[in-house]
Amino acid sequence: MIQKILGQSTPASTTDTTIYTVPTSCQAQCSVLIANRTTSNDKFRIAIVPQGSTLDNKHYIAYDVSITPGQFVQVSEIYINTGDFIVVRSENGNVSFSVTGMEMNRSRMRVLT
């Protein structure tokens, strides 16, 4: 399968933003790429929220992580199911987020033995 861009965002400061939601009948394997575009330090957050839930402290996989000017961070190996979604946020609004990965149709998946 080929990886593709699943979502991109540059949220305003301190704004929780849903960047990607797994489509119906799919699962996704993805990474979140984070880049600080400015000459100032910033902090970022990433949460994985299960379908039917609202954002809660227990969903964070990264919380107020410092990112220096020009720095790039990658969070890989995220596996999520139908309706699950990724929420991102930055403290100062200087951070760009991209979600890349693969969507797999659940009806076509099978376990090989």
C-alpha atoms as a PDB file:
ATOM      1  CA  MET A   1       0.000   0.000   0.000  1.00  0.00           C
ATOM      2  CA  ILE A   2       1.094   3.531  -0.682  1.00  0.00           C
ATOM      3  CA  GLN A   3       1.272   6.165   2.022  1.00  0.00           C
ATOM      4  CA  LYS A   4      -0.488   9.451   1.451  1.00  0.00           C
ATOM      5  CA  ILE A   5      -1.249  12.694   3.221  1.00  0.00           C
ATOM      6  CA  LEU A   6      -4.321  12.122   5.388  1.00  0.00           C
ATOM      7  CA  GLY A   7      -4.559  15.588   6.914  1.00  0.00           C
ATOM      8  CA  GLN A   8      -2.712  18.853   7.431  1.00  0.00           C
ATOM      9  CA  SER A   9      -3.296  21.799   9.741  1.00  0.00           C
ATOM     10  CA  THR A  10      -1.733  24.889  11.266  1.00  0.00           C
ATOM     11  CA  PRO A  11      -4.003  25.475  14.261  1.00  0.00           C
ATOM     12  CA  ALA A  12      -4.347  28.887  15.864  1.00  0.00           C
ATOM     13  CA  SER A  13      -2.697  29.168  19.270  1.00  0.00           C
ATOM     14  CA  THR A  14      -4.221  26.986  22.006  1.00  0.00           C
ATOM     15  CA  THR A  15      -6.898  25.654  19.636  1.00  0.00           C
ATOM     16  CA  ASP A  16      -7.658  21.924  19.703  1.00  0.00           C
ATOM     17  CA  THR A  17      -8.046  20.923  16.053  1.00  0.00           C
ATOM     18  CA  THR A  18      -9.182  17.603  14.589  1.00  0.00           C
ATOM     19  CA  ILE A  19      -6.706  16.909  11.812  1.00  0.00           C
ATOM     20  CA  TYR A  20      -7.855  13.432  10.730  1.00  0.00           C
ATOM     21  CA  THR A  21     -10.768  11.049  11.278  1.00  0.00           C
ATOM     22  CA  VAL A  22     -10.640   7.423  10.093  1.00  0.00           C
ATOM     23  CA  PRO A  23     -13.354   6.843   7.450  1.00  0.00           C
ATOM     24  CA  THR A  24     -16.139   4.276   7.796  1.00  0.00           C
ATOM     25  CA  SER A  25     -15.074   0.642   7.320  1.00  0.00           C
ATOM     26  CA  CYS A  26     -11.388   1.541   7.487  1.00  0.00           C
ATOM     27  CA  GLN A  27      -8.431   1.280   9.792  1.00  0.00           C
ATOM     28  CA  ALA A  28      -5.403   3.518   9.482  1.00  0.00           C
ATOM     29  CA  GLN A  29      -1.712   3.232  10.156  1.00  0.00           C
ATOM     30  CA  CYS A  30      -0.257   6.704  10.342  1.00  0.00           C
ATOM     31  CA  SER A  31       2.384   9.124  11.563  1.00  0.00           C
ATOM     32  CA  VAL A  32       2.076  12.707  12.723  1.00  0.00           C
ATOM     33  CA  LEU A  33       4.774  15.084  11.470  1.00  0.00           C
ATOM     34  CA  ILE A  34       5.290  18.292  13.420  1.00  0.00           C
ATOM     35  CA  ALA A  35       7.332  21.316  12.293  1.00  0.00           C
ATOM     36  CA  ASN A  36       8.047  24.596  14.054  1.00  0.00           C
ATOM     37  CA  ARG A  37       8.081  27.189  11.260  1.00  0.00           C
ATOM     38  CA  THR A  38       9.312  30.157  13.262  1.00  0.00           C
ATOM     39  CA  THR A  39      12.274  31.500  15.225  1.00  0.00           C
ATOM     40  CA  SER A  40      10.446  31.058  18.540  1.00  0.00           C
ATOM     41  CA  ASN A  41      10.026  28.029  20.776  1.00  0.00           C
ATOM     42  CA  ASP A  42       6.594  26.428  20.894  1.00  0.00           C
ATOM     43  CA  LYS A  43       4.871  23.439  22.486  1.00  0.00           C
ATOM     44  CA  PHE A  44       2.525  20.922  20.924  1.00  0.00           C
ATOM     45  CA  ARG A  45      -0.049  18.312  21.885  1.00  0.00           C
ATOM     46  CA  ILE A  46      -1.373  15.232  20.072  1.00  0.00           C
ATOM     47  CA  ALA A  47      -4.359  13.164  21.172  1.00  0.00           C
ATOM     48  CA  ILE A  48      -5.919   9.987  19.780  1.00  0.00           C
ATOM     49  CA  VAL A  49      -9.647  10.047  20.511  1.00  0.00           C
ATOM     50  CA  PRO A  50     -11.769   6.889  20.120  1.00  0.00           C
ATOM     51  CA  GLN A  51     -14.963   6.982  18.074  1.00  0.00           C
ATOM     52  CA  GLY A  52     -17.882   8.327  20.105  1.00  0.00           C
ATOM     53  CA  SER A  53     -15.646  10.016  22.687  1.00  0.00           C
ATOM     54  CA  THR A  54     -14.788  13.634  23.329  1.00  0.00           C
ATOM     55  CA  LEU A  55     -11.261  14.855  23.956  1.00  0.00           C
ATOM     56  CA  ASP A  56     -10.088  13.993  27.480  1.00  0.00           C
ATOM     57  CA  ASN A  57      -6.728  14.017  29.277  1.00  0.00           C
ATOM     58  CA  LYS A  58      -6.415  10.230  28.905  1.00  0.00           C
ATOM     59  CA  HIS A  59      -6.256  10.546  25.084  1.00  0.00           C
ATOM     60  CA  TYR A  60      -2.972  12.460  24.870  1.00  0.00           C
ATOM     61  CA  ILE A  61       0.080  10.728  23.450  1.00  0.00           C
ATOM     62  CA  ALA A  62       2.101  13.970  23.533  1.00  0.00           C
ATOM     63  CA  TYR A  63       1.387  16.846  25.907  1.00  0.00           C
ATOM     64  CA  ASP A  64       3.108  20.236  25.897  1.00  0.00           C
ATOM     65  CA  VAL A  65       6.189  18.836  24.169  1.00  0.00           C
ATOM     66  CA  SER A  66       8.732  21.582  23.478  1.00  0.00           C
ATOM     67  CA  ILE A  67       9.740  22.150  19.868  1.00  0.00           C
ATOM     68  CA  THR A  68      12.578  24.540  19.051  1.00  0.00           C
ATOM     69  CA  PRO A  69      12.730  26.892  16.060  1.00  0.00           C
ATOM     70  CA  GLY A  70      13.045  24.981  12.792  1.00  0.00           C
ATOM     71  CA  GLN A  71      12.759  21.616  14.547  1.00  0.00           C
ATOM     72  CA  PHE A  72      10.908  18.651  13.053  1.00  0.00           C
ATOM     73  CA  VAL A  73       9.372  15.830  15.122  1.00  0.00           C
ATOM     74  CA  GLN A  74       7.725  12.613  13.938  1.00  0.00           C
ATOM     75  CA  VAL A  75       5.385  10.428  15.968  1.00  0.00           C
ATOM     76  CA  SER A  76       5.067   7.077  14.184  1.00  0.00           C
ATOM     77  CA  GLU A  77       3.280   3.751  14.430  1.00  0.00           C
ATOM     78  CA  ILE A  78      -0.187   5.058  15.242  1.00  0.00           C
ATOM     79  CA  TYR A  79      -2.914   2.477  14.545  1.00  0.00           C
ATOM     80  CA  ILE A  80      -6.508   3.675  14.728  1.00  0.00           C
ATOM     81  CA  ASN A  81      -9.962   2.366  13.802  1.00  0.00           C
ATOM     82  CA  THR A  82     -13.126   3.607  12.111  1.00  0.00           C
ATOM     83  CA  GLY A  83     -14.298   6.888  13.599  1.00  0.00           C
ATOM     84  CA  ASP A  84     -11.221   7.421  15.773  1.00  0.00           C
ATOM     85  CA  PHE A  85      -9.656  10.842  15.300  1.00  0.00           C
ATOM     86  CA  ILE A  86      -6.431  12.751  15.882  1.00  0.00           C
ATOM     87  CA  VAL A  87      -6.484  16.130  17.615  1.00  0.00           C
ATOM     88  CA  VAL A  88      -3.509  18.524  17.511  1.00  0.00           C
ATOM     89  CA  ARG A  89      -2.718  21.817  19.191  1.00  0.00           C
ATOM     90  CA  SER A  90       0.169  24.242  19.611  1.00  0.00           C
ATOM     91  CA  GLU A  91       0.737  26.804  22.318  1.00  0.00           C
ATOM     92  CA  ASN A  92       1.674  29.733  20.063  1.00  0.00           C
ATOM     93  CA  GLY A  93       0.244  28.743  16.675  1.00  0.00           C
ATOM     94  CA  ASN A  94       3.700  28.407  15.094  1.00  0.00           C
ATOM     95  CA  VAL A  95       3.525  24.676  14.410  1.00  0.00           C
ATOM     96  CA  SER A  96       2.403  22.823  11.291  1.00  0.00           C
ATOM     97  CA  PHE A  97       1.056  19.278  11.547  1.00  0.00           C
ATOM     98  CA  SER A  98       0.751  16.642   8.830  1.00  0.00           C
ATOM     99  CA  VAL A  99      -0.742  13.173   9.170  1.00  0.00           C
ATOM    100  CA  THR A 100       0.596  10.685   6.647  1.00  0.00           C
ATOM    101  CA  GLY A 101      -0.135   7.008   6.334  1.00  0.00           C
ATOM    102  CA  MET A 102      -2.320   4.292   4.884  1.00  0.00           C
ATOM    103  CA  GLU A 103      -6.030   3.571   5.127  1.00  0.00           C
ATOM    104  CA  MET A 104      -7.012  -0.074   4.940  1.00  0.00           C
ATOM    105  CA  ASN A 105     -10.542  -1.151   4.069  1.00  0.00           C
ATOM    106  CA  ARG A 106     -11.656  -3.550   6.807  1.00  0.00           C
ATOM    107  CA  SER A 107     -13.797  -5.639   4.430  1.00  0.00           C
ATOM    108  CA  ARG A 108     -10.709  -6.446   2.347  1.00  0.00           C
ATOM    109  CA  MET A 109      -8.438  -7.307   5.264  1.00  0.00           C
ATOM    110  CA  ARG A 110      -7.733 -10.882   6.214  1.00  0.00           C
ATOM    111  CA  VAL A 111      -5.291 -12.679   8.413  1.00  0.00           C
ATOM    112  CA  LEU A 112      -2.809 -14.906   6.621  1.00  0.00           C
ATOM    113  CA  THR A 113      -1.698 -18.062   8.410  1.00  0.00           C
END
